[in-house]
Amino acid sequence: MMKMTRNVAMLIIIFTTAFFVLGCAGGSKELFNEDYKKMSNENILRYYYSLNDEIERQEKQSGPQFGIGIGGFGGHHGGVGGGAGVTTGGSGYTADDLRARRIDVLMELKRRGLNP
């Protein structure tokens, strides 16, 4: 009974951690999924400013990020393991990647005769 309670608690922790990680990692990935060449003039200007905002957000992040991993391993007797890690990079794209994309978007804006 105690093993089952511990396993349920571990699953809750895993799902909660996954929810927060997936919820926080999407900003820059979503920006790169956009096809700015097919956007209207108004939307490409908004996209350009969104890139600026995401670059600024990433540059303001300071310090390392802490992550926790918990999992079970099988067999007849079962078991639970855990771990922790510290990283300085996040998932998605870096501010440098976003700056390169912003330059591409700026060139497209100039091609269209638009000034941000």
Protein backbone atom coordinates (compact mmCIF):
# COMPACT_ATOMS: atom_id res chain seq x y z
CA MET A 1 0.00 0.00 0.00
CA MET A 2 2.82 2.41 0.80
CA LYS A 3 4.48 1.73 -2.58
CA MET A 4 1.27 2.57 -4.38
CA THR A 5 0.89 5.85 -2.47
CA ARG A 6 4.47 6.76 -3.22
CA ASN A 7 4.03 5.92 -6.91
CA VAL A 8 0.87 8.03 -7.13
CA ALA A 9 2.66 10.94 -5.46
CA MET A 10 5.53 10.58 -7.94
CA LEU A 11 3.12 10.60 -10.88
CA ILE A 12 1.47 13.77 -9.62
CA ILE A 13 4.86 15.43 -9.32
CA ILE A 14 5.83 14.30 -12.82
CA PHE A 15 2.65 15.61 -14.42
CA THR A 16 2.82 18.90 -12.55
CA THR A 17 6.43 19.42 -13.57
CA ALA A 18 5.65 18.53 -17.19
CA PHE A 19 2.75 20.97 -17.22
CA PHE A 20 4.93 23.85 -16.05
CA VAL A 21 7.84 22.99 -18.34
CA LEU A 22 5.68 22.66 -21.42
CA GLY A 23 3.73 25.76 -20.56
CA CYS A 24 6.83 27.93 -20.25
CA ALA A 25 8.86 26.65 -23.19
CA GLY A 26 6.66 27.56 -26.10
CA GLY A 27 7.33 31.27 -26.75
CA SER A 28 10.25 31.18 -29.13
CA LYS A 29 9.22 27.90 -30.75
CA GLU A 30 5.87 29.36 -31.73
CA LEU A 31 7.57 32.38 -33.30
CA PHE A 32 9.71 30.16 -35.51
CA ASN A 33 6.68 28.23 -36.72
CA GLU A 34 5.26 31.38 -38.31
CA ASP A 35 5.77 31.96 -42.05
CA TYR A 36 6.34 35.70 -42.10
CA LYS A 37 6.58 35.84 -45.92
CA LYS A 38 2.89 34.93 -46.20
CA MET A 39 1.74 37.49 -43.60
CA SER A 40 -0.15 40.66 -44.38
CA ASN A 41 1.70 43.94 -43.84
CA GLU A 42 -0.07 44.51 -40.52
CA ASN A 43 0.66 40.99 -39.25
CA ILE A 44 4.33 41.04 -40.24
CA LEU A 45 4.78 44.28 -38.29
CA ARG A 46 3.18 42.63 -35.24
CA TYR A 47 5.41 39.60 -35.76
CA TYR A 48 8.51 41.83 -35.85
CA TYR A 49 7.55 43.40 -32.53
CA SER A 50 6.79 39.95 -31.06
CA LEU A 51 10.32 38.89 -31.96
CA ASN A 52 11.67 41.97 -30.18
CA ASP A 53 9.59 41.17 -27.09
CA GLU A 54 10.76 37.55 -26.99
CA ILE A 55 14.41 38.57 -27.39
CA GLU A 56 14.04 41.02 -24.52
CA ARG A 57 12.30 38.40 -22.38
CA GLN A 58 15.07 35.88 -22.96
CA GLU A 59 17.80 38.40 -22.23
CA LYS A 60 16.19 39.33 -18.90
CA GLN A 61 16.22 35.73 -17.70
CA SER A 62 19.12 35.39 -15.33
CA GLY A 63 20.72 32.55 -13.53
CA PRO A 64 20.51 28.83 -14.12
CA GLN A 65 17.31 26.85 -14.39
CA PHE A 66 16.58 23.95 -12.08
CA GLY A 67 14.83 20.79 -13.18
CA ILE A 68 13.60 17.66 -11.42
CA GLY A 69 13.10 14.25 -12.97
CA ILE A 70 11.32 11.31 -11.38
CA GLY A 71 10.58 7.95 -12.90
CA GLY A 72 9.80 4.36 -12.19
CA PHE A 73 11.56 1.28 -13.38
CA GLY A 74 9.89 -2.02 -13.74
CA GLY A 75 10.27 -5.61 -12.91
CA HIS A 76 8.30 -7.70 -10.52
CA HIS A 77 9.37 -5.66 -7.49
CA GLY A 78 9.33 -2.24 -9.17
CA GLY A 79 11.20 0.81 -8.06
CA VAL A 80 11.24 4.55 -8.15
CA GLY A 81 14.16 6.80 -9.07
CA GLY A 82 14.69 10.51 -9.15
CA GLY A 83 17.18 13.09 -10.22
CA ALA A 84 17.80 16.80 -10.43
CA GLY A 85 19.70 18.95 -12.89
CA VAL A 86 20.75 22.51 -13.41
CA THR A 87 20.99 24.04 -16.88
CA THR A 88 21.86 27.47 -18.19
CA GLY A 89 20.01 27.06 -21.48
CA GLY A 90 16.34 26.60 -22.13
CA SER A 91 14.42 24.71 -24.71
CA GLY A 92 13.41 26.47 -27.86
CA TYR A 93 15.51 29.07 -29.62
CA THR A 94 18.10 31.42 -28.17
CA ALA A 95 18.05 35.18 -28.34
CA ASP A 96 20.75 34.93 -31.06
CA ASP A 97 18.47 32.69 -33.15
CA LEU A 98 15.66 35.18 -32.70
CA ARG A 99 17.91 38.09 -33.69
CA ALA A 100 18.81 36.29 -36.93
CA ARG A 101 15.10 35.74 -37.61
CA ARG A 102 14.38 39.39 -36.82
CA ILE A 103 16.94 40.45 -39.45
CA ASP A 104 15.20 38.24 -42.04
CA VAL A 105 11.85 39.78 -41.11
CA LEU A 106 13.34 43.29 -41.27
CA MET A 107 14.63 42.58 -44.79
CA GLU A 108 11.14 41.42 -45.80
CA LEU A 109 9.65 44.59 -44.30
CA LYS A 110 12.08 46.75 -46.29
CA ARG A 111 11.29 44.77 -49.45
CA ARG A 112 7.63 45.65 -48.90
CA GLY A 113 8.47 49.30 -48.25
CA LEU A 114 7.50 49.14 -44.57
CA ASN A 115 9.39 50.72 -41.66
CA PRO A 116 8.93 49.24 -38.19
